[in-house]
Amino acid sequence: MKHILWLLRWILKIAIFFTLFAFALNNQQVATVHFFFGNYWLAPMVLVVLGTFAIGVVVGVLGMAPWWWRHHQAKHEATSSQAEPNGPATPPLYADGI
């Protein structure tokens, strides 16, 4: 079963690679990206799309960083408070379970 899953993962990776490769080959025409003040950038379409994707990933990671940091701090505080003893544990009211 593990061999079949391994094979399916590799088939999926190969399919994604060839899809992206075909996308890159089909989008070689030059695109113009216009910036402010009359500045522009001439680049192949695939580089424009790749650059936009990379900028989106960076913005997403930076947007998640505060949430991740708060979550990390809360988890760290919870584990450190569990490690500190609060004193002797109180015994149950009925030791025999009644």
PDB file of N, CA and C in Angstrom:
ATOM      1  N   MET A   1       0.818  -1.191   0.000  1.00  0.00           N
ATOM      2  CA  MET A   1       0.000   0.000   0.000  1.00  0.00           C
ATOM      3  C   MET A   1       0.861   1.254   0.000  1.00  0.00           C
ATOM      4  N   LYS A   2       1.972   1.215   0.761  1.00  0.00           N
ATOM      5  CA  LYS A   2       2.854   2.377   0.806  1.00  0.00           C
ATOM      6  C   LYS A   2       3.467   2.654  -0.556  1.00  0.00           C
ATOM      7  N   HIS A   3       3.767   1.580  -1.283  1.00  0.00           N
ATOM      8  CA  HIS A   3       4.376   1.738  -2.600  1.00  0.00           C
ATOM      9  C   HIS A   3       3.399   2.413  -3.568  1.00  0.00           C
ATOM     10  N   ILE A   4       2.137   2.065  -3.468  1.00  0.00           N
ATOM     11  CA  ILE A   4       1.128   2.666  -4.352  1.00  0.00           C
ATOM     12  C   ILE A   4       0.964   4.148  -4.037  1.00  0.00           C
ATOM     13  N   LEU A   5       0.934   4.502  -2.740  1.00  0.00           N
ATOM     14  CA  LEU A   5       0.827   5.908  -2.367  1.00  0.00           C
ATOM     15  C   LEU A   5       2.058   6.694  -2.799  1.00  0.00           C
ATOM     16  N   TRP A   6       3.226   6.086  -2.647  1.00  0.00           N
ATOM     17  CA  TRP A   6       4.457   6.736  -3.090  1.00  0.00           C
ATOM     18  C   TRP A   6       4.407   6.991  -4.593  1.00  0.00           C
ATOM     19  N   LEU A   7       3.936   5.994  -5.343  1.00  0.00           N
ATOM     20  CA  LEU A   7       3.835   6.127  -6.797  1.00  0.00           C
ATOM     21  C   LEU A   7       2.814   7.203  -7.182  1.00  0.00           C
ATOM     22  N   LEU A   8       1.687   7.244  -6.493  1.00  0.00           N
ATOM     23  CA  LEU A   8       0.669   8.258  -6.784  1.00  0.00           C
ATOM     24  C   LEU A   8       1.181   9.667  -6.483  1.00  0.00           C
ATOM     25  N   ARG A   9       1.951   9.821  -5.415  1.00  0.00           N
ATOM     26  CA  ARG A   9       2.535  11.135  -5.102  1.00  0.00           C
ATOM     27  C   ARG A   9       3.476  11.582  -6.211  1.00  0.00           C
ATOM     28  N   TRP A  10       4.310  10.659  -6.697  1.00  0.00           N
ATOM     29  CA  TRP A  10       5.241  11.020  -7.751  1.00  0.00           C
ATOM     30  C   TRP A  10       4.508  11.329  -9.050  1.00  0.00           C
ATOM     31  N   ILE A  11       3.457  10.601  -9.352  1.00  0.00           N
ATOM     32  CA  ILE A  11       2.661  10.900 -10.548  1.00  0.00           C
ATOM     33  C   ILE A  11       2.038  12.281 -10.431  1.00  0.00           C
ATOM     34  N   LEU A  12       1.537  12.628  -9.244  1.00  0.00           N
ATOM     35  CA  LEU A  12       0.961  13.953  -9.030  1.00  0.00           C
ATOM     36  C   LEU A  12       2.018  15.041  -9.174  1.00  0.00           C
ATOM     37  N   LYS A  13       3.206  14.814  -8.616  1.00  0.00           N
ATOM     38  CA  LYS A  13       4.294  15.792  -8.740  1.00  0.00           C
ATOM     39  C   LYS A  13       4.694  15.979 -10.203  1.00  0.00           C
ATOM     40  N   ILE A  14       4.784  14.891 -10.941  1.00  0.00           N
ATOM     41  CA  ILE A  14       5.150  14.976 -12.364  1.00  0.00           C
ATOM     42  C   ILE A  14       4.065  15.703 -13.153  1.00  0.00           C
ATOM     43  N   ALA A  15       2.805  15.422 -12.850  1.00  0.00           N
ATOM     44  CA  ALA A  15       1.700  16.089 -13.556  1.00  0.00           C
ATOM     45  C   ALA A  15       1.715  17.591 -13.279  1.00  0.00           C
ATOM     46  N   ILE A  16       1.957  17.979 -12.037  1.00  0.00           N
ATOM     47  CA  ILE A  16       2.027  19.413 -11.711  1.00  0.00           C
ATOM     48  C   ILE A  16       3.201  20.056 -12.417  1.00  0.00           C
ATOM     49  N   PHE A  17       4.354  19.383 -12.434  1.00  0.00           N
ATOM     50  CA  PHE A  17       5.526  19.941 -13.101  1.00  0.00           C
ATOM     51  C   PHE A  17       5.261  20.165 -14.588  1.00  0.00           C
ATOM     52  N   PHE A  18       4.716  19.153 -15.266  1.00  0.00           N
ATOM     53  CA  PHE A  18       4.480  19.304 -16.707  1.00  0.00           C
ATOM     54  C   PHE A  18       3.392  20.323 -17.001  1.00  0.00           C
ATOM     55  N   THR A  19       2.416  20.456 -16.129  1.00  0.00           N
ATOM     56  CA  THR A  19       1.401  21.492 -16.319  1.00  0.00           C
ATOM     57  C   THR A  19       2.025  22.876 -16.221  1.00  0.00           C
ATOM     58  N   LEU A  20       2.856  23.091 -15.204  1.00  0.00           N
ATOM     59  CA  LEU A  20       3.516  24.388 -15.060  1.00  0.00           C
ATOM     60  C   LEU A  20       4.522  24.628 -16.179  1.00  0.00           C
ATOM     61  N   PHE A  21       5.190  23.581 -16.630  1.00  0.00           N
ATOM     62  CA  PHE A  21       6.136  23.719 -17.731  1.00  0.00           C
ATOM     63  C   PHE A  21       5.414  24.105 -19.022  1.00  0.00           C
ATOM     64  N   ALA A  22       4.285  23.472 -19.285  1.00  0.00           N
ATOM     65  CA  ALA A  22       3.490  23.829 -20.464  1.00  0.00           C
ATOM     66  C   ALA A  22       2.962  25.245 -20.349  1.00  0.00           C
ATOM     67  N   PHE A  23       2.560  25.647 -19.148  1.00  0.00           N
ATOM     68  CA  PHE A  23       2.114  27.024 -18.925  1.00  0.00           C
ATOM     69  C   PHE A  23       3.231  28.005 -19.257  1.00  0.00           C
ATOM     70  N   ALA A  24       4.444  27.699 -18.818  1.00  0.00           N
ATOM     71  CA  ALA A  24       5.582  28.585 -19.086  1.00  0.00           C
ATOM     72  C   ALA A  24       5.885  28.652 -20.579  1.00  0.00           C
ATOM     73  N   LEU A  25       5.791  27.526 -21.273  1.00  0.00           N
ATOM     74  CA  LEU A  25       6.060  27.527 -22.712  1.00  0.00           C
ATOM     75  C   LEU A  25       4.991  28.280 -23.494  1.00  0.00           C
ATOM     76  N   ASN A  26       3.748  28.218 -23.031  1.00  0.00           N
ATOM     77  CA  ASN A  26       2.657  28.884 -23.742  1.00  0.00           C
ATOM     78  C   ASN A  26       2.569  30.371 -23.449  1.00  0.00           C
ATOM     79  N   ASN A  27       3.283  30.866 -22.459  1.00  0.00           N
ATOM     80  CA  ASN A  27       3.204  32.279 -22.071  1.00  0.00           C
ATOM     81  C   ASN A  27       4.572  32.944 -22.161  1.00  0.00           C
ATOM     82  N   GLN A  28       5.178  32.850 -23.335  1.00  0.00           N
ATOM     83  CA  GLN A  28       6.485  33.461 -23.513  1.00  0.00           C
ATOM     84  C   GLN A  28       6.395  34.864 -24.102  1.00  0.00           C
ATOM     85  N   GLN A  29       5.208  35.305 -24.492  1.00  0.00           N
ATOM     86  CA  GLN A  29       5.096  36.634 -25.064  1.00  0.00           C
ATOM     87  C   GLN A  29       5.419  37.687 -24.001  1.00  0.00           C
ATOM     88  N   VAL A  30       5.857  38.838 -24.468  1.00  0.00           N
ATOM     89  CA  VAL A  30       6.285  39.906 -23.572  1.00  0.00           C
ATOM     90  C   VAL A  30       5.059  40.619 -23.015  1.00  0.00           C
ATOM     91  N   ALA A  31       5.079  40.839 -21.719  1.00  0.00           N
ATOM     92  CA  ALA A  31       4.017  41.587 -21.051  1.00  0.00           C
ATOM     93  C   ALA A  31       4.617  42.873 -20.497  1.00  0.00           C
ATOM     94  N   THR A  32       3.796  43.899 -20.452  1.00  0.00           N
ATOM     95  CA  THR A  32       4.227  45.179 -19.923  1.00  0.00           C
ATOM     96  C   THR A  32       3.516  45.416 -18.602  1.00  0.00           C
ATOM     97  N   VAL A  33       4.295  45.633 -17.570  1.00  0.00           N
ATOM     98  CA  VAL A  33       3.744  45.967 -16.254  1.00  0.00           C
ATOM     99  C   VAL A  33       4.013  47.445 -16.028  1.00  0.00           C
ATOM    100  N   HIS A  34       2.936  48.230 -15.901  1.00  0.00           N
ATOM    101  CA  HIS A  34       3.061  49.679 -15.732  1.00  0.00           C
ATOM    102  C   HIS A  34       3.072  50.032 -14.253  1.00  0.00           C
ATOM    103  N   PHE A  35       4.077  50.804 -13.856  1.00  0.00           N
ATOM    104  CA  PHE A  35       4.187  51.306 -12.492  1.00  0.00           C
ATOM    105  C   PHE A  35       3.807  52.774 -12.477  1.00  0.00           C
ATOM    106  N   PHE A  36       4.014  53.442 -11.363  1.00  0.00           N
ATOM    107  CA  PHE A  36       3.711  54.854 -11.242  1.00  0.00           C
ATOM    108  C   PHE A  36       4.752  55.704 -11.960  1.00  0.00           C
ATOM    109  N   PHE A  37       4.382  56.918 -12.285  1.00  0.00           N
ATOM    110  CA  PHE A  37       5.258  57.935 -12.872  1.00  0.00           C
ATOM    111  C   PHE A  37       5.848  57.500 -14.211  1.00  0.00           C
ATOM    112  N   GLY A  38       5.101  56.743 -14.980  1.00  0.00           N
ATOM    113  CA  GLY A  38       5.523  56.357 -16.315  1.00  0.00           C
ATOM    114  C   GLY A  38       6.543  55.231 -16.373  1.00  0.00           C
ATOM    115  N   ASN A  39       6.880  54.643 -15.258  1.00  0.00           N
ATOM    116  CA  ASN A  39       7.818  53.522 -15.251  1.00  0.00           C
ATOM    117  C   ASN A  39       7.084  52.251 -15.671  1.00  0.00           C
ATOM    118  N   TYR A  40       7.784  51.378 -16.366  1.00  0.00           N
ATOM    119  CA  TYR A  40       7.198  50.110 -16.768  1.00  0.00           C
ATOM    120  C   TYR A  40       8.284  49.047 -16.821  1.00  0.00           C
ATOM    121  N   TRP A  41       7.826  47.805 -16.853  1.00  0.00           N
ATOM    122  CA  TRP A  41       8.729  46.656 -16.869  1.00  0.00           C
ATOM    123  C   TRP A  41       8.262  45.720 -17.964  1.00  0.00           C
ATOM    124  N   LEU A  42       9.157  45.395 -18.877  1.00  0.00           N
ATOM    125  CA  LEU A  42       8.880  44.443 -19.944  1.00  0.00           C
ATOM    126  C   LEU A  42       9.491  43.104 -19.554  1.00  0.00           C
ATOM    127  N   ALA A  43       8.663  42.073 -19.494  1.00  0.00           N
ATOM    128  CA  ALA A  43       9.145  40.752 -19.092  1.00  0.00           C
ATOM    129  C   ALA A  43       8.237  39.699 -19.699  1.00  0.00           C
ATOM    130  N   PRO A  44       8.720  38.472 -19.835  1.00  0.00           N
ATOM    131  CA  PRO A  44       7.838  37.393 -20.285  1.00  0.00           C
ATOM    132  C   PRO A  44       6.674  37.209 -19.308  1.00  0.00           C
ATOM    133  N   MET A  45       5.535  36.831 -19.851  1.00  0.00           N
ATOM    134  CA  MET A  45       4.328  36.688 -19.039  1.00  0.00           C
ATOM    135  C   MET A  45       4.527  35.727 -17.876  1.00  0.00           C
ATOM    136  N   VAL A  46       5.259  34.658 -18.092  1.00  0.00           N
ATOM    137  CA  VAL A  46       5.448  33.669 -17.030  1.00  0.00           C
ATOM    138  C   VAL A  46       6.215  34.282 -15.859  1.00  0.00           C
ATOM    139  N   LEU A  47       7.165  35.179 -16.108  1.00  0.00           N
ATOM    140  CA  LEU A  47       7.873  35.841 -15.010  1.00  0.00           C
ATOM    141  C   LEU A  47       6.957  36.790 -14.253  1.00  0.00           C
ATOM    142  N   VAL A  48       6.064  37.449 -14.968  1.00  0.00           N
ATOM    143  CA  VAL A  48       5.110  38.343 -14.308  1.00  0.00           C
ATOM    144  C   VAL A  48       4.196  37.534 -13.384  1.00  0.00           C
ATOM    145  N   VAL A  49       3.694  36.412 -13.870  1.00  0.00           N
ATOM    146  CA  VAL A  49       2.813  35.570 -13.052  1.00  0.00           C
ATOM    147  C   VAL A  49       3.585  34.981 -11.874  1.00  0.00           C
ATOM    148  N   LEU A  50       4.798  34.510 -12.109  1.00  0.00           N
ATOM    149  CA  LEU A  50       5.613  33.959 -11.028  1.00  0.00           C
ATOM    150  C   LEU A  50       5.936  35.024  -9.985  1.00  0.00           C
ATOM    151  N   GLY A  51       6.267  36.219 -10.433  1.00  0.00           N
ATOM    152  CA  GLY A  51       6.552  37.315  -9.497  1.00  0.00           C
ATOM    153  C   GLY A  51       5.328  37.690  -8.679  1.00  0.00           C
ATOM    154  N   THR A  52       4.166  37.723  -9.323  1.00  0.00           N
ATOM    155  CA  THR A  52       2.929  38.020  -8.608  1.00  0.00           C
ATOM    156  C   THR A  52       2.631  36.943  -7.575  1.00  0.00           C
ATOM    157  N   PHE A  53       2.841  35.697  -7.936  1.00  0.00           N
ATOM    158  CA  PHE A  53       2.633  34.591  -6.995  1.00  0.00           C
ATOM    159  C   PHE A  53       3.587  34.712  -5.808  1.00  0.00           C
ATOM    160  N   ALA A  54       4.853  35.009  -6.078  1.00  0.00           N
ATOM    161  CA  ALA A  54       5.843  35.133  -5.008  1.00  0.00           C
ATOM    162  C   ALA A  54       5.491  36.287  -4.071  1.00  0.00           C
ATOM    163  N   ILE A  55       5.053  37.406  -4.629  1.00  0.00           N
ATOM    164  CA  ILE A  55       4.648  38.543  -3.791  1.00  0.00           C
ATOM    165  C   ILE A  55       3.438  38.161  -2.943  1.00  0.00           C
ATOM    166  N   GLY A  56       2.505  37.412  -3.515  1.00  0.00           N
ATOM    167  CA  GLY A  56       1.343  36.959  -2.759  1.00  0.00           C
ATOM    168  C   GLY A  56       1.721  36.040  -1.616  1.00  0.00           C
ATOM    169  N   VAL A  57       2.688  35.162  -1.847  1.00  0.00           N
ATOM    170  CA  VAL A  57       3.148  34.266  -0.777  1.00  0.00           C
ATOM    171  C   VAL A  57       3.792  35.071   0.346  1.00  0.00           C
ATOM    172  N   VAL A  58       4.626  36.044  -0.014  1.00  0.00           N
ATOM    173  CA  VAL A  58       5.290  36.875   1.003  1.00  0.00           C
ATOM    174  C   VAL A  58       4.257  37.655   1.810  1.00  0.00           C
ATOM    175  N   VAL A  59       3.268  38.252   1.142  1.00  0.00           N
ATOM    176  CA  VAL A  59       2.225  39.001   1.853  1.00  0.00           C
ATOM    177  C   VAL A  59       1.422  38.063   2.759  1.00  0.00           C
ATOM    178  N   GLY A  60       1.126  36.861   2.285  1.00  0.00           N
ATOM    179  CA  GLY A  60       0.402  35.901   3.106  1.00  0.00           C
ATOM    180  C   GLY A  60       1.184  35.481   4.340  1.00  0.00           C
ATOM    181  N   VAL A  61       2.463  35.226   4.176  1.00  0.00           N
ATOM    182  CA  VAL A  61       3.299  34.832   5.321  1.00  0.00           C
ATOM    183  C   VAL A  61       3.409  35.981   6.311  1.00  0.00           C
ATOM    184  N   LEU A  62       3.614  37.193   5.811  1.00  0.00           N
ATOM    185  CA  LEU A  62       3.702  38.341   6.714  1.00  0.00           C
ATOM    186  C   LEU A  62       2.374  38.617   7.396  1.00  0.00           C
ATOM    187  N   GLY A  63       1.270  38.354   6.716  1.00  0.00           N
ATOM    188  CA  GLY A  63      -0.041  38.523   7.324  1.00  0.00           C
ATOM    189  C   GLY A  63      -0.320  37.498   8.406  1.00  0.00           C
ATOM    190  N   MET A  64       0.230  36.301   8.264  1.00  0.00           N
ATOM    191  CA  MET A  64       0.028  35.252   9.256  1.00  0.00           C
ATOM    192  C   MET A  64       1.019  35.337  10.418  1.00  0.00           C
ATOM    193  N   ALA A  65       2.098  36.081  10.269  1.00  0.00           N
ATOM    194  CA  ALA A  65       3.140  36.127  11.297  1.00  0.00           C
ATOM    195  C   ALA A  65       2.621  36.597  12.657  1.00  0.00           C
ATOM    196  N   PRO A  66       1.815  37.677  12.755  1.00  0.00           N
ATOM    197  CA  PRO A  66       1.328  38.065  14.089  1.00  0.00           C
ATOM    198  C   PRO A  66       0.467  36.986  14.740  1.00  0.00           C
ATOM    199  N   TRP A  67      -0.414  36.362  13.973  1.00  0.00           N
ATOM    200  CA  TRP A  67      -1.246  35.295  14.521  1.00  0.00           C
ATOM    201  C   TRP A  67      -0.375  34.137  14.990  1.00  0.00           C
ATOM    202  N   TRP A  68       0.600  33.756  14.162  1.00  0.00           N
ATOM    203  CA  TRP A  68       1.488  32.654  14.524  1.00  0.00           C
ATOM    204  C   TRP A  68       2.265  32.988  15.786  1.00  0.00           C
ATOM    205  N   TRP A  69       2.741  34.227  15.899  1.00  0.00           N
ATOM    206  CA  TRP A  69       3.529  34.620  17.053  1.00  0.00           C
ATOM    207  C   TRP A  69       2.683  34.574  18.330  1.00  0.00           C
ATOM    208  N   ARG A  70       1.430  35.078  18.266  1.00  0.00           N
ATOM    209  CA  ARG A  70       0.559  35.021  19.439  1.00  0.00           C
ATOM    210  C   ARG A  70       0.261  33.571  19.823  1.00  0.00           C
ATOM    211  N   HIS A  71      -0.006  32.732  18.826  1.00  0.00           N
ATOM    212  CA  HIS A  71      -0.278  31.314  19.082  1.00  0.00           C
ATOM    213  C   HIS A  71       0.941  30.637  19.705  1.00  0.00           C
ATOM    214  N   HIS A  72       2.109  30.943  19.183  1.00  0.00           N
ATOM    215  CA  HIS A  72       3.349  30.359  19.699  1.00  0.00           C
ATOM    216  C   HIS A  72       3.582  30.797  21.143  1.00  0.00           C
ATOM    217  N   GLN A  73       3.359  32.076  21.435  1.00  0.00           N
ATOM    218  CA  GLN A  73       3.554  32.573  22.798  1.00  0.00           C
ATOM    219  C   GLN A  73       2.557  31.941  23.765  1.00  0.00           C
ATOM    220  N   ALA A  74       1.292  31.815  23.352  1.00  0.00           N
ATOM    221  CA  ALA A  74       0.282  31.207  24.219  1.00  0.00           C
ATOM    222  C   ALA A  74       0.616  29.748  24.499  1.00  0.00           C
ATOM    223  N   LYS A  75       1.070  29.035  23.482  1.00  0.00           N
ATOM    224  CA  LYS A  75       1.449  27.633  23.678  1.00  0.00           C
ATOM    225  C   LYS A  75       2.649  27.524  24.608  1.00  0.00           C
ATOM    226  N   HIS A  76       3.607  28.434  24.442  1.00  0.00           N
ATOM    227  CA  HIS A  76       4.796  28.422  25.290  1.00  0.00           C
ATOM    228  C   HIS A  76       4.419  28.726  26.740  1.00  0.00           C
ATOM    229  N   GLU A  77       3.519  29.686  26.961  1.00  0.00           N
ATOM    230  CA  GLU A  77       3.091  30.024  28.314  1.00  0.00           C
ATOM    231  C   GLU A  77       2.302  28.872  28.938  1.00  0.00           C
ATOM    232  N   ALA A  78       1.488  28.182  28.138  1.00  0.00           N
ATOM    233  CA  ALA A  78       0.697  27.066  28.662  1.00  0.00           C
ATOM    234  C   ALA A  78       1.606  25.909  29.080  1.00  0.00           C
ATOM    235  N   THR A  79       2.625  25.618  28.296  1.00  0.00           N
ATOM    236  CA  THR A  79       3.518  24.519  28.658  1.00  0.00           C
ATOM    237  C   THR A  79       4.406  24.894  29.837  1.00  0.00           C
ATOM    238  N   SER A  80       4.798  26.163  29.938  1.00  0.00           N
ATOM    239  CA  SER A  80       5.644  26.559  31.070  1.00  0.00           C
ATOM    240  C   SER A  80       4.832  26.615  32.355  1.00  0.00           C
ATOM    241  N   SER A  81       3.546  26.977  32.283  1.00  0.00           N
ATOM    242  CA  SER A  81       2.733  27.012  33.499  1.00  0.00           C
ATOM    243  C   SER A  81       2.400  25.601  33.970  1.00  0.00           C
ATOM    244  N   GLN A  82       2.315  24.634  33.071  1.00  0.00           N
ATOM    245  CA  GLN A  82       2.065  23.257  33.467  1.00  0.00           C
ATOM    246  C   GLN A  82       3.288  22.644  34.134  1.00  0.00           C
ATOM    247  N   ALA A  83       4.454  23.102  33.767  1.00  0.00           N
ATOM    248  CA  ALA A  83       5.676  22.538  34.319  1.00  0.00           C
ATOM    249  C   ALA A  83       5.907  23.011  35.747  1.00  0.00           C
ATOM    250  N   GLU A  84       5.374  24.185  36.117  1.00  0.00           N
ATOM    251  CA  GLU A  84       5.571  24.717  37.456  1.00  0.00           C
ATOM    252  C   GLU A  84       4.545  24.099  38.398  1.00  0.00           C
ATOM    253  N   PRO A  85       4.986  23.565  39.514  1.00  0.00           N
ATOM    254  CA  PRO A  85       4.017  22.993  40.458  1.00  0.00           C
ATOM    255  C   PRO A  85       3.263  24.105  41.182  1.00  0.00           C
ATOM    256  N   ASN A  86       1.995  23.895  41.417  1.00  0.00           N
ATOM    257  CA  ASN A  86       1.165  24.866  42.112  1.00  0.00           C
ATOM    258  C   ASN A  86       1.021  24.520  43.591  1.00  0.00           C
ATOM    259  N   GLY A  87       1.762  23.603  44.078  1.00  0.00           N
ATOM    260  CA  GLY A  87       1.651  23.171  45.462  1.00  0.00           C
ATOM    261  C   GLY A  87       1.148  21.746  45.494  1.00  0.00           C
ATOM    262  N   PRO A  88       0.857  21.239  46.678  1.00  0.00           N
ATOM    263  CA  PRO A  88       0.398  19.847  46.771  1.00  0.00           C
ATOM    264  C   PRO A  88      -0.999  19.703  46.176  1.00  0.00           C
ATOM    265  N   ALA A  89      -1.198  18.612  45.504  1.00  0.00           N
ATOM    266  CA  ALA A  89      -2.497  18.340  44.910  1.00  0.00           C
ATOM    267  C   ALA A  89      -3.472  17.962  46.020  1.00  0.00           C
ATOM    268  N   THR A  90      -4.701  18.433  45.898  1.00  0.00           N
ATOM    269  CA  THR A  90      -5.696  18.104  46.919  1.00  0.00           C
ATOM    270  C   THR A  90      -6.231  16.711  46.649  1.00  0.00           C
ATOM    271  N   PRO A  91      -6.357  15.896  47.672  1.00  0.00           N
ATOM    272  CA  PRO A  91      -6.877  14.543  47.454  1.00  0.00           C
ATOM    273  C   PRO A  91      -8.368  14.603  47.137  1.00  0.00           C
ATOM    274  N   PRO A  92      -8.881  13.605  46.434  1.00  0.00           N
ATOM    275  CA  PRO A  92     -10.318  13.604  46.150  1.00  0.00           C
ATOM    276  C   PRO A  92     -11.126  13.516  47.444  1.00  0.00           C
ATOM    277  N   LEU A  93     -12.378  14.004  47.389  1.00  0.00           N
ATOM    278  CA  LEU A  93     -13.224  14.026  48.568  1.00  0.00           C
ATOM    279  C   LEU A  93     -13.464  12.608  49.096  1.00  0.00           C
ATOM    280  N   TYR A  94     -13.741  11.681  48.195  1.00  0.00           N
ATOM    281  CA  TYR A  94     -13.942  10.296  48.585  1.00  0.00           C
ATOM    282  C   TYR A  94     -12.867   9.458  47.915  1.00  0.00           C
ATOM    283  N   ALA A  95     -11.953   8.920  48.708  1.00  0.00           N
ATOM    284  CA  ALA A  95     -10.815   8.197  48.159  1.00  0.00           C
ATOM    285  C   ALA A  95     -11.210   6.863  47.573  1.00  0.00           C
ATOM    286  N   ASP A  96     -12.325   6.272  47.983  1.00  0.00           N
ATOM    287  CA  ASP A  96     -12.702   4.964  47.467  1.00  0.00           C
ATOM    288  C   ASP A  96     -13.582   5.067  46.228  1.00  0.00           C
ATOM    289  N   GLY A  97     -13.837   6.261  45.717  1.00  0.00           N
ATOM    290  CA  GLY A  97     -14.597   6.433  44.480  1.00  0.00           C
ATOM    291  C   GLY A  97     -16.087   6.471  44.669  1.00  0.00           C
ATOM    292  N   ILE A  98     -16.574   6.572  45.897  1.00  0.00           N
ATOM    293  CA  ILE A  98     -18.020   6.609  46.136  1.00  0.00           C
ATOM    294  C   ILE A  98     -18.496   8.042  46.103  1.00  0.00           C
TER     295      ILE A  98
END
